[in-house]
Amino acid sequence: MMMRRTGWSRREWLAGTAAAFGAGCAPAGEAPAPFADADVGDAGESAVALPEFEPRSMLHVSETRVEQPRFPVIDVHTHLTWSDVPLGPDPFGERIRKLGEPSAVLPVMDRKGVRTMVNLTGGVGPGLMVARRQFDEAHPGRFITFTEPSWNRAADPDYPRFQAEQLERDHAAGARGLKLTKTLGLYLREQITSGPLVAVDDARFDPMWETCAALNMPVAIHVSDPEAFFLPIDRFNERYEELHAHPDWSFHGSDFPSNAELLAARDRVLARHPGTTFIGLHVGHWAENLAAVGEALDRFPNFHVEIGARVGELGRQPRGARRFFEAYQDRILFGTDAIPSPEGDATPQQVFGDALYEIYYRFLETEDEYFDYAPAPVPPQGRWRIHGLGLPEPILRKVYHQNAERVLGLAA
């Protein structure tokens, strides 16, 4: 497949050559037509198309710039490398490409008080070794690399044994954890890119979870997306603009499971493997429902969450979010889901840089009101702004680095 451009996009990487257009995976939905210009009535002004609408707030409120965090930061959710092989028959993750050079990443880390970045998508086998050599080994203490499953082998009869042994090899090569993308549950199929979807709690992965427990390798798991991604892309969908810009992000229709079904399957995995430490990425996959995330944390002592790419959700419910941080202060890790430019440019709420970290620090440390959750002229996830939590120092210290040190087995 001739897709060289600048490399595989995130969705192509997850879905492989089948993507959304074949091999048993039909398009999730057609892109809806853009909103039509409105009739402006007697105002006499030109109509403005919604994508061009950039309202400026008239609120007069405090604006606090937080250039450095109160305490050193461990960012447990970043992507500095990527598999150069998409989901398909070829060895996934054994050849990687760098999304950012250490020489460009480290100055931002130093300016923004980021002690360590955890590169979750570190590849497999030879790819992992390249990632570790160019990041972890070249800059000790600044980078940590996770490995990934060998998705291309999932249909093999001996996959459970193979995957467990591959994890042992990658652990010996220096991998500190395992990253599960939403490939499992939403993209991986019985014949890799064709046939029925493979469930999150499929028993063939049980040896993998148990091997992580035996090796003290935490599992960073991502099994679902924002709840609106599972609904029709219509005028009631609060992420209409985001899904209009990225229609392949929709999981509505076709044979996709619902958000509730994905989370129920995740919970069965958590229950079956109590000795395995799981980090539920993106606030446990349901930042819109903190009560449900809290119930999962209460039920499963082996479950933790991180906040990457979800301050836009947390910050629009600041009182509930602050109560959540207070109640689960020992179980919440700092993460951004940062991706260096140019790959990260398509998702402004994740593009690595000074501005991204300053937004997170402002959100956690100040009580500022109604500010942007992403460095972008138009809010990329939904047309709202956020409010700061003003967390006390003991909670900030835990979220910024102490919880990550414990979960990752790092020296304080």
Protein backbone atom coordinates (compact mmCIF):
# COMPACT_ATOMS: atom_id res chain seq x y z
CA MET A 1 0.00 0.00 0.00
CA MET A 2 1.65 3.27 -1.12
CA MET A 3 1.12 5.51 1.90
CA ARG A 4 4.53 7.08 2.39
CA ARG A 5 3.61 10.76 2.97
CA THR A 6 5.25 11.39 6.37
CA GLY A 7 4.37 7.91 7.65
CA TRP A 8 1.32 6.14 8.96
CA SER A 9 -1.27 8.22 10.77
CA ARG A 10 -2.38 7.04 14.21
CA ARG A 11 -5.58 5.53 12.86
CA GLU A 12 -3.87 3.82 9.94
CA TRP A 13 -1.27 2.46 12.35
CA LEU A 14 -3.97 1.04 14.61
CA ALA A 15 -6.24 -0.30 11.91
CA GLY A 16 -3.70 -1.37 9.32
CA THR A 17 -4.34 -1.62 5.62
CA ALA A 18 -7.94 -2.64 6.29
CA ALA A 19 -8.46 0.69 8.08
CA ALA A 20 -12.06 1.68 7.61
CA PHE A 21 -12.55 0.59 4.03
CA GLY A 22 -12.39 -3.15 3.69
CA ALA A 23 -11.51 -6.60 5.01
CA GLY A 24 -14.63 -6.72 7.15
CA CYS A 25 -14.35 -3.20 8.59
CA ALA A 26 -16.84 -0.89 6.90
CA PRO A 27 -16.68 2.90 7.32
CA ALA A 28 -18.04 3.96 10.69
CA GLY A 29 -20.01 6.75 9.03
CA GLU A 30 -19.82 9.30 6.29
CA ALA A 31 -18.57 12.74 7.13
CA PRO A 32 -21.60 15.00 7.61
CA ALA A 33 -21.89 18.14 5.60
CA PRO A 34 -20.47 21.28 7.25
CA PHE A 35 -22.92 23.55 8.99
CA ALA A 36 -24.48 25.94 6.52
CA ASP A 37 -24.07 29.65 6.99
CA ALA A 38 -26.88 31.05 9.09
CA ASP A 39 -29.25 33.84 8.06
CA VAL A 40 -28.06 36.83 10.02
CA GLY A 41 -31.40 38.62 9.85
CA ASP A 42 -31.29 42.40 10.20
CA ALA A 43 -27.80 42.60 11.68
CA GLY A 44 -26.30 43.39 8.32
CA GLU A 45 -23.13 41.45 9.06
CA SER A 46 -21.64 38.69 6.94
CA ALA A 47 -22.50 35.16 7.93
CA VAL A 48 -19.65 33.14 9.47
CA ALA A 49 -19.15 29.44 8.82
CA LEU A 50 -18.77 27.51 12.06
CA PRO A 51 -15.15 26.38 11.37
CA GLU A 52 -14.24 30.07 11.05
CA PHE A 53 -16.00 31.13 14.26
CA GLU A 54 -13.44 32.11 16.90
CA PRO A 55 -15.32 34.01 19.61
CA ARG A 56 -13.32 36.06 22.09
CA SER A 57 -14.50 35.83 25.66
CA MET A 58 -15.71 39.03 27.28
CA LEU A 59 -15.08 37.70 30.79
CA HIS A 60 -12.60 39.64 32.88
CA VAL A 61 -10.92 36.92 34.92
CA SER A 62 -7.49 36.12 36.33
CA GLU A 63 -4.89 34.73 33.96
CA THR A 64 -2.03 32.92 35.65
CA ARG A 65 0.86 31.64 33.59
CA VAL A 66 2.50 28.63 35.22
CA GLU A 67 5.78 28.09 33.41
CA GLN A 68 7.16 25.55 35.87
CA PRO A 69 5.26 22.96 37.91
CA ARG A 70 5.33 23.10 41.70
CA PHE A 71 7.18 19.74 41.73
CA PRO A 72 9.15 17.67 39.18
CA VAL A 73 6.95 15.86 36.66
CA ILE A 74 6.90 12.32 35.30
CA ASP A 75 4.76 12.32 32.16
CA VAL A 76 3.54 8.73 31.94
CA HIS A 77 1.77 9.08 28.59
CA THR A 78 3.77 10.25 25.59
CA HIS A 79 4.54 8.96 22.10
CA LEU A 80 8.10 9.54 20.96
CA THR A 81 8.27 6.56 18.62
CA TRP A 82 5.70 4.71 16.56
CA SER A 83 5.51 1.37 14.82
CA ASP A 84 6.46 1.85 11.18
CA VAL A 85 4.43 -1.28 10.43
CA PRO A 86 0.62 -1.00 10.57
CA LEU A 87 -1.74 -3.65 11.87
CA GLY A 88 -1.49 -6.52 9.40
CA PRO A 89 0.56 -9.62 8.60
CA ASP A 90 3.99 -8.01 8.98
CA PRO A 91 5.84 -7.92 12.33
CA PHE A 92 4.19 -5.12 14.25
CA GLY A 93 6.52 -2.81 16.16
CA GLU A 94 9.75 -4.47 15.05
CA ARG A 95 10.57 -1.45 12.92
CA ILE A 96 9.89 1.99 14.39
CA ARG A 97 10.17 5.60 13.40
CA LYS A 98 10.95 8.48 15.72
CA LEU A 99 8.32 11.17 16.14
CA GLY A 100 10.78 13.47 17.88
CA GLU A 101 14.52 13.74 18.37
CA PRO A 102 15.91 13.80 21.92
CA SER A 103 17.81 16.96 21.01
CA ALA A 104 14.48 18.72 20.38
CA VAL A 105 12.51 17.10 23.20
CA LEU A 106 14.96 17.58 26.09
CA PRO A 107 15.05 21.40 26.01
CA VAL A 108 11.25 21.52 26.39
CA MET A 109 11.45 19.02 29.23
CA ASP A 110 14.06 21.14 30.98
CA ARG A 111 12.11 24.38 30.54
CA LYS A 112 8.87 22.79 31.76
CA GLY A 113 10.20 20.80 34.71
CA VAL A 114 9.56 17.38 33.17
CA ARG A 115 12.02 15.00 34.79
CA THR A 116 11.03 11.89 32.83
CA MET A 117 8.88 11.05 29.82
CA VAL A 118 7.39 7.58 29.40
CA ASN A 119 7.28 6.58 25.73
CA LEU A 120 4.39 4.11 25.64
CA THR A 121 4.64 3.06 21.99
CA GLY A 122 8.19 1.76 22.07
CA GLY A 123 7.72 -1.13 19.69
CA VAL A 124 8.65 -4.81 19.96
CA GLY A 125 11.93 -6.72 19.81
CA PRO A 126 14.36 -4.94 17.44
CA GLY A 127 12.16 -1.83 17.36
CA LEU A 128 12.16 -1.63 21.15
CA MET A 129 15.94 -1.93 21.24
CA VAL A 130 16.32 0.97 18.81
CA ALA A 131 13.94 3.15 20.84
CA ARG A 132 15.72 2.38 24.10
CA ARG A 133 19.16 2.94 22.61
CA GLN A 134 18.28 6.35 21.20
CA PHE A 135 16.27 7.58 24.20
CA ASP A 136 16.64 5.64 27.46
CA GLU A 137 20.28 4.60 27.15
CA ALA A 138 21.48 7.83 25.55
CA HIS A 139 19.80 9.95 28.26
CA PRO A 140 19.53 7.92 31.49
CA GLY A 141 16.68 8.85 33.76
CA ARG A 142 14.98 11.12 31.23
CA PHE A 143 13.10 8.51 29.19
CA ILE A 144 11.35 5.22 29.93
CA THR A 145 10.08 2.91 27.19
CA PHE A 146 7.14 0.50 27.15
CA THR A 147 6.71 -2.39 24.75
CA GLU A 148 3.58 -3.49 22.86
CA PRO A 149 1.89 -6.76 21.89
CA SER A 150 2.82 -8.50 18.66
CA TRP A 151 -0.60 -8.01 17.09
CA ASN A 152 0.35 -9.68 13.82
CA ARG A 153 0.73 -13.02 15.67
CA ALA A 154 -2.66 -12.91 17.45
CA ALA A 155 -4.28 -15.42 15.07
CA ASP A 156 -1.53 -18.03 15.55
CA PRO A 157 -2.49 -21.12 17.57
CA ASP A 158 0.52 -20.67 19.86
CA TYR A 159 -0.01 -16.93 20.35
CA PRO A 160 -0.65 -17.05 24.14
CA ARG A 161 2.69 -18.77 24.75
CA PHE A 162 4.52 -16.68 22.17
CA GLN A 163 3.26 -13.37 23.56
CA ALA A 164 4.19 -14.29 27.13
CA GLU A 165 7.70 -15.25 26.02
CA GLN A 166 8.03 -12.11 23.89
CA LEU A 167 7.18 -10.02 26.93
CA GLU A 168 9.92 -11.75 28.88
CA ARG A 169 12.39 -10.99 26.10
CA ASP A 170 11.34 -7.35 25.92
CA HIS A 171 11.50 -7.00 29.68
CA ALA A 172 15.04 -8.37 29.61
CA ALA A 173 15.83 -5.79 26.91
CA GLY A 174 14.73 -2.98 29.23
CA ALA A 175 11.00 -2.44 28.64
CA ARG A 176 9.42 -1.08 31.84
CA GLY A 177 5.77 -1.78 30.98
CA LEU A 178 3.26 -2.84 28.33
CA LYS A 179 1.06 -0.51 26.28
CA LEU A 180 -2.35 -1.68 25.03
CA THR A 181 -3.86 0.61 22.41
CA LYS A 182 -7.51 0.40 21.46
CA THR A 183 -6.35 -1.96 18.73
CA LEU A 184 -7.72 -4.57 21.13
CA GLY A 185 -11.49 -4.24 21.12
CA LEU A 186 -11.89 -1.83 18.20
CA TYR A 187 -9.45 -2.83 15.43
CA LEU A 188 -7.91 -6.28 15.92
CA ARG A 189 -9.96 -8.99 14.20
CA GLU A 190 -9.80 -12.75 14.24
CA GLN A 191 -7.71 -12.75 11.07
CA ILE A 192 -5.89 -9.61 12.18
CA THR A 193 -7.64 -7.21 9.76
CA SER A 194 -10.68 -9.31 8.80
CA GLY A 195 -13.34 -11.32 10.55
CA PRO A 196 -15.04 -10.54 13.87
CA LEU A 197 -13.48 -8.11 16.30
CA VAL A 198 -11.43 -9.63 19.13
CA ALA A 199 -12.82 -8.77 22.57
CA VAL A 200 -10.78 -6.99 25.22
CA ASP A 201 -11.25 -9.93 27.61
CA ASP A 202 -10.37 -12.64 25.09
CA ALA A 203 -8.73 -15.51 26.98
CA ARG A 204 -5.76 -15.75 24.60
CA PHE A 205 -4.32 -12.66 26.33
CA ASP A 206 -4.54 -14.06 29.87
CA PRO A 207 -0.91 -15.31 29.84
CA MET A 208 0.18 -11.84 28.73
CA TRP A 209 -1.55 -10.17 31.70
CA GLU A 210 -0.13 -12.73 34.10
CA THR A 211 3.39 -12.33 32.73
CA CYS A 212 3.13 -8.58 33.35
CA ALA A 213 2.22 -9.35 36.96
CA ALA A 214 5.15 -11.74 37.36
CA LEU A 215 7.59 -9.20 35.90
CA ASN A 216 6.13 -6.19 37.74
CA MET A 217 5.38 -4.54 34.41
CA PRO A 218 2.45 -2.11 34.64
CA VAL A 219 -0.03 -2.18 31.77
CA ALA A 220 -1.04 1.16 30.25
CA ILE A 221 -4.39 0.24 28.72
CA HIS A 222 -6.66 2.19 26.36
CA VAL A 223 -9.85 0.37 25.44
CA SER A 224 -12.37 3.09 24.60
CA ASP A 225 -12.72 6.64 23.35
CA PRO A 226 -14.93 9.59 24.33
CA GLU A 227 -18.53 8.52 24.76
CA ALA A 228 -19.66 10.81 21.95
CA PHE A 229 -17.54 8.83 19.47
CA PHE A 230 -20.00 5.95 19.83
CA LEU A 231 -23.04 8.10 18.99
CA PRO A 232 -24.36 9.33 15.62
CA ILE A 233 -22.51 12.30 14.15
CA ASP A 234 -25.48 14.60 14.21
CA ARG A 235 -26.58 17.95 15.62
CA PHE A 236 -26.87 16.47 19.12
CA ASN A 237 -23.28 15.24 19.23
CA GLU A 238 -21.16 17.66 21.29
CA ARG A 239 -18.06 16.57 19.35
CA TYR A 240 -19.64 17.19 15.96
CA GLU A 241 -16.82 19.41 14.74
CA GLU A 242 -14.11 17.01 15.90
CA LEU A 243 -15.83 14.04 14.27
CA HIS A 244 -16.60 16.06 11.17
CA ALA A 245 -12.88 16.76 10.85
CA HIS A 246 -12.01 13.13 11.66
CA PRO A 247 -14.96 10.94 10.58
CA ASP A 248 -12.81 7.80 10.92
CA TRP A 249 -12.71 8.45 14.67
CA SER A 250 -16.36 7.44 14.91
CA PHE A 251 -17.20 4.01 16.34
CA HIS A 252 -20.92 4.32 15.79
CA GLY A 253 -22.59 1.51 13.88
CA SER A 254 -20.95 -1.31 11.92
CA ASP A 255 -19.94 -4.11 14.33
CA PHE A 256 -18.26 -1.92 16.91
CA PRO A 257 -19.07 -2.64 20.54
CA SER A 258 -20.55 0.14 22.63
CA ASN A 259 -18.55 2.15 25.13
CA ALA A 260 -20.35 0.28 27.94
CA GLU A 261 -19.48 -3.13 26.43
CA LEU A 262 -15.80 -2.20 26.13
CA LEU A 263 -15.61 -1.04 29.74
CA ALA A 264 -17.42 -4.14 30.99
CA ALA A 265 -14.87 -6.32 29.17
CA ARG A 266 -12.05 -4.27 30.70
CA ASP A 267 -13.53 -4.82 34.16
CA ARG A 268 -13.57 -8.57 33.60
CA VAL A 269 -9.86 -8.40 32.80
CA LEU A 270 -9.17 -6.36 35.94
CA ALA A 271 -11.10 -8.87 38.04
CA ARG A 272 -9.38 -11.92 36.52
CA HIS A 273 -5.88 -10.52 37.01
CA PRO A 274 -5.76 -8.81 40.42
CA GLY A 275 -1.97 -9.14 40.58
CA THR A 276 -1.46 -7.07 37.41
CA THR A 277 -1.16 -3.30 37.72
CA PHE A 278 -3.26 -1.45 35.14
CA ILE A 279 -3.12 2.24 34.26
CA GLY A 280 -6.42 3.25 32.65
CA LEU A 281 -5.38 5.89 30.13
CA HIS A 282 -7.45 9.03 29.57
CA VAL A 283 -8.95 9.00 33.09
CA GLY A 284 -9.88 5.36 32.87
CA HIS A 285 -11.49 5.82 29.42
CA TRP A 286 -14.50 7.75 30.75
CA ALA A 287 -13.58 11.26 31.88
CA GLU A 288 -17.17 12.32 31.22
CA ASN A 289 -18.38 10.04 34.03
CA LEU A 290 -16.11 10.41 37.06
CA ALA A 291 -18.58 8.58 39.28
CA ALA A 292 -18.20 5.46 37.13
CA VAL A 293 -14.39 5.80 37.10
CA GLY A 294 -14.46 6.12 40.87
CA GLU A 295 -16.53 2.95 41.14
CA ALA A 296 -13.92 1.09 39.08
CA LEU A 297 -11.13 2.41 41.29
CA ASP A 298 -13.08 1.31 44.36
CA ARG A 299 -13.67 -2.19 42.96
CA PHE A 300 -10.19 -2.83 41.63
CA PRO A 301 -7.18 -1.96 43.81
CA ASN A 302 -4.92 -2.84 40.86
CA PHE A 303 -6.41 -0.04 38.74
CA HIS A 304 -4.93 3.46 38.36
CA VAL A 305 -5.72 6.29 35.94
CA GLU A 306 -3.85 9.09 34.19
CA ILE A 307 -5.17 12.36 32.77
CA GLY A 308 -3.67 12.54 29.25
CA ALA A 309 -5.70 14.50 26.67
CA ARG A 310 -8.63 14.82 29.09
CA VAL A 311 -8.15 18.14 30.89
CA GLY A 312 -10.80 19.37 28.47
CA GLU A 313 -13.26 17.03 30.17
CA LEU A 314 -12.00 17.39 33.73
CA GLY A 315 -11.82 21.16 33.59
CA ARG A 316 -15.43 21.66 32.61
CA GLN A 317 -16.53 19.89 35.80
CA PRO A 318 -14.04 21.48 38.22
CA ARG A 319 -15.87 20.85 41.49
CA GLY A 320 -16.47 17.19 40.70
CA ALA A 321 -12.95 16.82 39.32
CA ARG A 322 -11.42 18.30 42.45
CA ARG A 323 -13.41 15.88 44.61
CA PHE A 324 -12.19 13.07 42.35
CA PHE A 325 -8.55 14.11 42.83
CA GLU A 326 -9.06 14.39 46.57
CA ALA A 327 -10.66 10.96 46.83
CA TYR A 328 -8.20 9.13 44.54
CA GLN A 329 -5.05 11.17 45.02
CA ASP A 330 -2.94 8.02 45.38
CA ARG A 331 -4.24 6.49 42.14
CA ILE A 332 -3.97 9.36 39.62
CA LEU A 333 -0.86 9.84 37.45
CA PHE A 334 0.20 12.80 35.35
CA GLY A 335 0.09 12.27 31.58
CA THR A 336 -0.45 14.38 28.47
CA ASP A 337 -0.58 11.95 25.49
CA ALA A 338 1.98 14.33 23.96
CA ILE A 339 3.07 13.76 20.36
CA PRO A 340 5.83 15.92 18.82
CA SER A 341 5.16 18.02 15.74
CA PRO A 342 4.44 17.49 12.90
CA GLU A 343 2.63 14.23 13.80
CA GLY A 344 0.96 15.89 16.78
CA ASP A 345 -0.29 18.92 14.83
CA ALA A 346 -3.50 17.15 13.84
CA THR A 347 -4.46 16.89 17.52
CA PRO A 348 -3.68 20.26 19.18
CA GLN A 349 -4.71 18.96 22.61
CA GLN A 350 -1.73 16.59 22.36
CA VAL A 351 0.96 18.46 20.46
CA PHE A 352 4.17 18.38 22.50
CA GLY A 353 5.54 21.74 23.53
CA ASP A 354 5.79 24.44 26.19
CA ALA A 355 2.19 25.58 25.72
CA LEU A 356 0.74 22.11 26.33
CA TYR A 357 2.51 21.66 29.67
CA GLU A 358 1.63 25.17 30.83
CA ILE A 359 -2.06 24.41 30.30
CA TYR A 360 -1.81 21.26 32.44
CA TYR A 361 0.05 23.09 35.21
CA ARG A 362 -2.45 25.95 35.16
CA PHE A 363 -5.33 23.48 35.33
CA LEU A 364 -3.88 21.56 38.28
CA GLU A 365 -2.35 24.41 40.29
CA THR A 366 -4.52 27.51 39.85
CA GLU A 367 -8.14 28.49 40.36
CA ASP A 368 -8.23 30.40 37.09
CA GLU A 369 -11.57 30.34 35.31
CA TYR A 370 -12.65 29.73 31.74
CA PHE A 371 -9.40 29.22 29.84
CA ASP A 372 -8.38 27.17 26.79
CA TYR A 373 -7.59 23.48 27.28
CA ALA A 374 -5.46 23.21 24.12
CA PRO A 375 -3.01 25.49 22.29
CA ALA A 376 -5.35 26.07 19.36
CA PRO A 377 -7.49 28.97 18.06
CA VAL A 378 -10.59 26.73 18.07
CA PRO A 379 -11.21 24.23 20.90
CA PRO A 380 -10.45 20.92 19.13
CA GLN A 381 -12.53 18.52 21.25
CA GLY A 382 -15.59 20.66 21.90
CA ARG A 383 -16.52 24.34 22.11
CA TRP A 384 -16.02 24.90 25.79
CA ARG A 385 -13.32 26.17 28.13
CA ILE A 386 -12.06 24.88 31.45
CA HIS A 387 -11.53 25.93 35.06
CA GLY A 388 -8.52 25.27 37.29
CA LEU A 389 -8.64 22.91 40.27
CA GLY A 390 -6.19 24.67 42.58
CA LEU A 391 -4.97 21.40 44.10
CA PRO A 392 -3.02 21.52 47.37
CA GLU A 393 0.68 20.68 47.40
CA PRO A 394 0.38 17.16 48.90
CA ILE A 395 -1.93 16.09 46.05
CA LEU A 396 0.17 17.85 43.40
CA ARG A 397 3.29 16.07 44.61
CA LYS A 398 1.57 12.69 44.29
CA VAL A 399 0.07 13.38 40.87
CA TYR A 400 3.17 14.98 39.41
CA HIS A 401 5.63 12.24 40.33
CA GLN A 402 5.15 10.19 43.51
CA ASN A 403 2.38 7.93 42.20
CA ALA A 404 4.33 7.28 39.00
CA GLU A 405 7.45 6.45 40.98
CA ARG A 406 5.53 3.82 42.93
CA VAL A 407 3.73 2.30 39.94
CA LEU A 408 6.84 2.25 37.74
CA GLY A 409 9.19 1.12 40.50
CA LEU A 410 11.41 4.21 40.27
CA ALA A 411 13.64 5.63 42.93
CA ALA A 412 12.20 8.74 44.55
